Amino acid sequence: MPLFRSSGVVGIAEDALEFALEASEDAHPHEYMGFLRGESASRLGLDRDGTVITDVLVIPGTKSNPTSATVQEYMVPNNIRSAGSVHSHPNGVLRPSDADLMTFGKGKVHIIIGYPYGRDDWQAFDRQGDPRDLEVLDVELPEEEFFDFTQADIDDELRDEADDRDGRLGGDRA
């Protein structure tokens, strides 16, 4: 029986986990912090419902030291694909502190990565800070363009805006 509801987070892409492990090691002896985004499991070719964590977002302006990482909240994108957070504990402790629990309210899963940042040096938690299993999945991640719109999309939108403006001004322009 899975620990997450079928509509919840069902796993993490191996590439996303590797990125978070490497980022944590690179930040050592300071804490690392990022946010997790996911994709529909079915979109990734899996025959199940739920979300697979596919991305780790690095937030500009994050400040860290050996005991904490602080994110500029206004820089965090408001995104329906948001799945939770990930941060490191340079001391290797794989359980949330009281301060961690205060940040766990947003998202469905929170990952703590501990020193020495190896493949088994991490633990997933729910919003209440209870440990959760999180399957590492070898999935093909979809190619995404940084901007997923084309020049034709921009031209169409500009044309629609011009048409709306002309309609409000009472007619066609020659």
Protein backbone atom coordinates (compact mmCIF):
# COMPACT_ATOMS: atom_id res chain seq x y z
CA MET A 1 0.00 0.00 0.00
CA PRO A 2 1.56 3.35 -1.01
CA LEU A 3 2.18 5.93 1.68
CA PHE A 4 0.92 8.77 -0.52
CA ARG A 5 -2.62 8.99 -1.83
CA SER A 6 -2.89 8.20 -5.52
CA SER A 7 -3.28 11.91 -6.26
CA GLY A 8 -0.19 12.77 -4.23
CA VAL A 9 3.52 12.61 -4.91
CA VAL A 10 4.41 9.09 -6.01
CA GLY A 11 8.13 9.46 -6.58
CA ILE A 12 11.12 11.53 -7.55
CA ALA A 13 12.92 11.36 -10.89
CA GLU A 14 16.44 10.04 -10.51
CA ASP A 15 17.82 13.13 -12.33
CA ALA A 16 16.06 15.49 -9.89
CA LEU A 17 17.44 13.61 -6.88
CA GLU A 18 20.96 13.59 -8.35
CA PHE A 19 20.76 17.35 -8.92
CA ALA A 20 19.68 17.95 -5.31
CA LEU A 21 22.44 15.69 -3.94
CA GLU A 22 25.10 17.45 -6.02
CA ALA A 23 23.79 20.93 -5.14
CA SER A 24 23.85 20.02 -1.45
CA GLU A 25 27.43 18.78 -1.71
CA ASP A 26 28.47 21.90 -3.65
CA ALA A 27 26.95 24.16 -0.95
CA HIS A 28 28.73 22.34 1.91
CA PRO A 29 29.49 23.41 4.64
CA HIS A 30 26.46 25.67 4.15
CA GLU A 31 22.89 24.51 3.84
CA TYR A 32 21.34 24.19 0.41
CA MET A 33 17.67 24.94 -0.28
CA GLY A 34 15.47 24.50 -3.31
CA PHE A 35 11.86 23.92 -4.24
CA LEU A 36 10.41 20.86 -5.89
CA ARG A 37 8.13 20.79 -8.93
CA GLY A 38 6.48 17.80 -10.46
CA GLU A 39 4.78 16.39 -13.52
CA SER A 40 1.86 14.04 -13.87
CA ALA A 41 3.07 10.44 -13.66
CA SER A 42 0.99 9.59 -16.73
CA ARG A 43 2.69 12.38 -18.74
CA LEU A 44 5.99 10.66 -17.95
CA GLY A 45 4.71 7.36 -19.30
CA LEU A 46 3.93 5.75 -15.94
CA ASP A 47 0.75 3.74 -15.51
CA ARG A 48 -0.35 5.40 -12.28
CA ASP A 49 -1.98 8.51 -10.91
CA GLY A 50 -0.11 11.18 -9.01
CA THR A 51 2.88 13.44 -9.35
CA VAL A 52 6.54 12.67 -9.93
CA ILE A 53 9.06 15.27 -8.72
CA THR A 54 10.99 16.27 -11.84
CA ASP A 55 12.58 19.64 -11.06
CA VAL A 56 14.53 21.36 -8.32
CA LEU A 57 14.16 25.13 -8.48
CA VAL A 58 17.01 27.27 -7.22
CA ILE A 59 15.65 30.57 -5.93
CA PRO A 60 17.72 33.72 -6.58
CA GLY A 61 18.80 35.54 -3.46
CA THR A 62 18.82 32.48 -1.19
CA LYS A 63 21.19 33.06 1.72
CA SER A 64 22.72 30.16 3.60
CA ASN A 65 25.14 29.36 6.37
CA PRO A 66 26.07 26.11 8.16
CA THR A 67 22.82 26.06 10.17
CA SER A 68 20.15 27.56 7.93
CA ALA A 69 19.06 28.66 4.48
CA THR A 70 16.77 31.62 3.95
CA VAL A 71 14.77 32.10 0.78
CA GLN A 72 13.40 35.42 -0.40
CA GLU A 73 9.70 34.43 -0.36
CA TYR A 74 8.76 36.95 -3.04
CA MET A 75 11.13 35.18 -5.47
CA VAL A 76 9.37 31.80 -5.14
CA PRO A 77 7.15 31.23 -8.19
CA ASN A 78 3.50 30.55 -7.53
CA ASN A 79 3.16 27.38 -9.54
CA ILE A 80 0.54 24.66 -9.72
CA ARG A 81 3.34 22.15 -10.29
CA SER A 82 4.81 22.93 -6.87
CA ALA A 83 5.43 19.73 -4.90
CA GLY A 84 7.44 20.84 -1.84
CA SER A 85 10.96 21.68 -0.78
CA VAL A 86 14.43 20.23 -0.45
CA HIS A 87 17.26 21.34 1.78
CA SER A 88 20.46 19.96 3.21
CA HIS A 89 21.70 19.39 6.72
CA PRO A 90 25.51 19.70 6.67
CA ASN A 91 25.59 17.98 10.08
CA GLY A 92 24.12 14.82 8.49
CA VAL A 93 21.00 14.68 10.67
CA LEU A 94 18.08 13.38 8.61
CA ARG A 95 15.19 14.68 10.65
CA PRO A 96 13.48 18.06 10.55
CA SER A 97 14.23 20.76 13.10
CA ASP A 98 11.47 22.93 14.56
CA ALA A 99 12.43 25.63 12.04
CA ASP A 100 12.12 23.08 9.21
CA LEU A 101 8.64 22.09 10.35
CA MET A 102 7.56 25.73 10.16
CA THR A 103 8.44 25.75 6.44
CA PHE A 104 6.82 22.38 5.65
CA GLY A 105 3.29 23.81 5.33
CA LYS A 106 3.58 24.40 1.58
CA GLY A 107 3.82 21.39 -0.68
CA LYS A 108 3.18 17.71 -0.18
CA VAL A 109 6.70 16.41 0.34
CA HIS A 110 9.87 17.83 1.86
CA ILE A 111 13.28 16.27 1.46
CA ILE A 112 16.25 16.62 3.80
CA ILE A 113 19.65 15.65 2.42
CA GLY A 114 22.45 15.00 4.91
CA TYR A 115 26.23 14.96 4.77
CA PRO A 116 28.03 13.18 3.06
CA TYR A 117 25.33 13.61 0.39
CA GLY A 118 25.43 10.08 -0.98
CA ARG A 119 22.63 8.19 -2.68
CA ASP A 120 21.22 7.00 0.69
CA ASP A 121 21.77 10.24 2.63
CA TRP A 122 18.27 11.69 2.29
CA GLN A 123 14.79 11.32 3.70
CA ALA A 124 11.37 12.52 2.54
CA PHE A 125 8.80 13.91 4.97
CA ASP A 126 5.17 14.95 4.86
CA ARG A 127 3.87 18.35 5.99
CA GLN A 128 3.79 17.25 9.62
CA GLY A 129 7.42 16.09 9.52
CA ASP A 130 6.66 12.37 9.49
CA PRO A 131 9.03 10.28 7.36
CA ARG A 132 7.64 9.05 4.05
CA ASP A 133 8.92 6.60 1.49
CA LEU A 134 9.56 8.24 -1.86
CA GLU A 135 10.40 5.98 -4.76
CA VAL A 136 13.30 7.03 -7.01
CA LEU A 137 12.08 6.62 -10.58
CA ASP A 138 14.13 6.23 -13.72
CA VAL A 139 11.91 8.26 -16.04
CA GLU A 140 12.57 10.17 -19.22
CA LEU A 141 12.02 13.83 -18.41
CA PRO A 142 10.19 15.89 -21.03
CA GLU A 143 12.24 18.43 -22.93
CA GLU A 144 11.07 21.89 -21.97
CA GLU A 145 11.94 25.11 -23.59
CA PHE A 146 12.77 27.95 -21.23
CA PHE A 147 10.02 29.88 -22.96
CA ASP A 148 7.32 27.50 -24.07
CA PHE A 149 5.75 29.87 -26.58
CA THR A 150 6.68 30.83 -30.11
CA GLN A 151 6.92 34.10 -32.02
CA ALA A 152 3.61 33.20 -33.66
CA ASP A 153 2.04 32.99 -30.17
CA ILE A 154 3.38 36.47 -29.37
CA ASP A 155 2.11 37.88 -32.70
CA ASP A 156 -1.35 36.37 -32.08
CA GLU A 157 -1.52 37.87 -28.60
CA LEU A 158 -0.42 41.30 -29.83
CA ARG A 159 -3.00 41.13 -32.62
CA ASP A 160 -5.74 40.18 -30.11
CA GLU A 161 -4.73 43.07 -27.82
CA ALA A 162 -4.80 45.50 -30.78
CA ASP A 163 -8.24 44.22 -31.83
CA ASP A 164 -9.53 44.64 -28.25
CA ARG A 165 -8.10 48.15 -28.07
CA ASP A 166 -9.65 49.08 -31.43
CA GLY A 167 -13.00 47.70 -30.30
CA ARG A 168 -12.92 49.84 -27.15
CA LEU A 169 -11.97 52.93 -29.20
CA GLY A 170 -14.94 52.44 -31.51
CA GLY A 171 -13.76 51.06 -34.77
CA ASP A 172 -11.09 50.06 -37.17
CA ARG A 173 -7.93 51.95 -37.77
CA ALA A 174 -6.82 52.46 -41.30
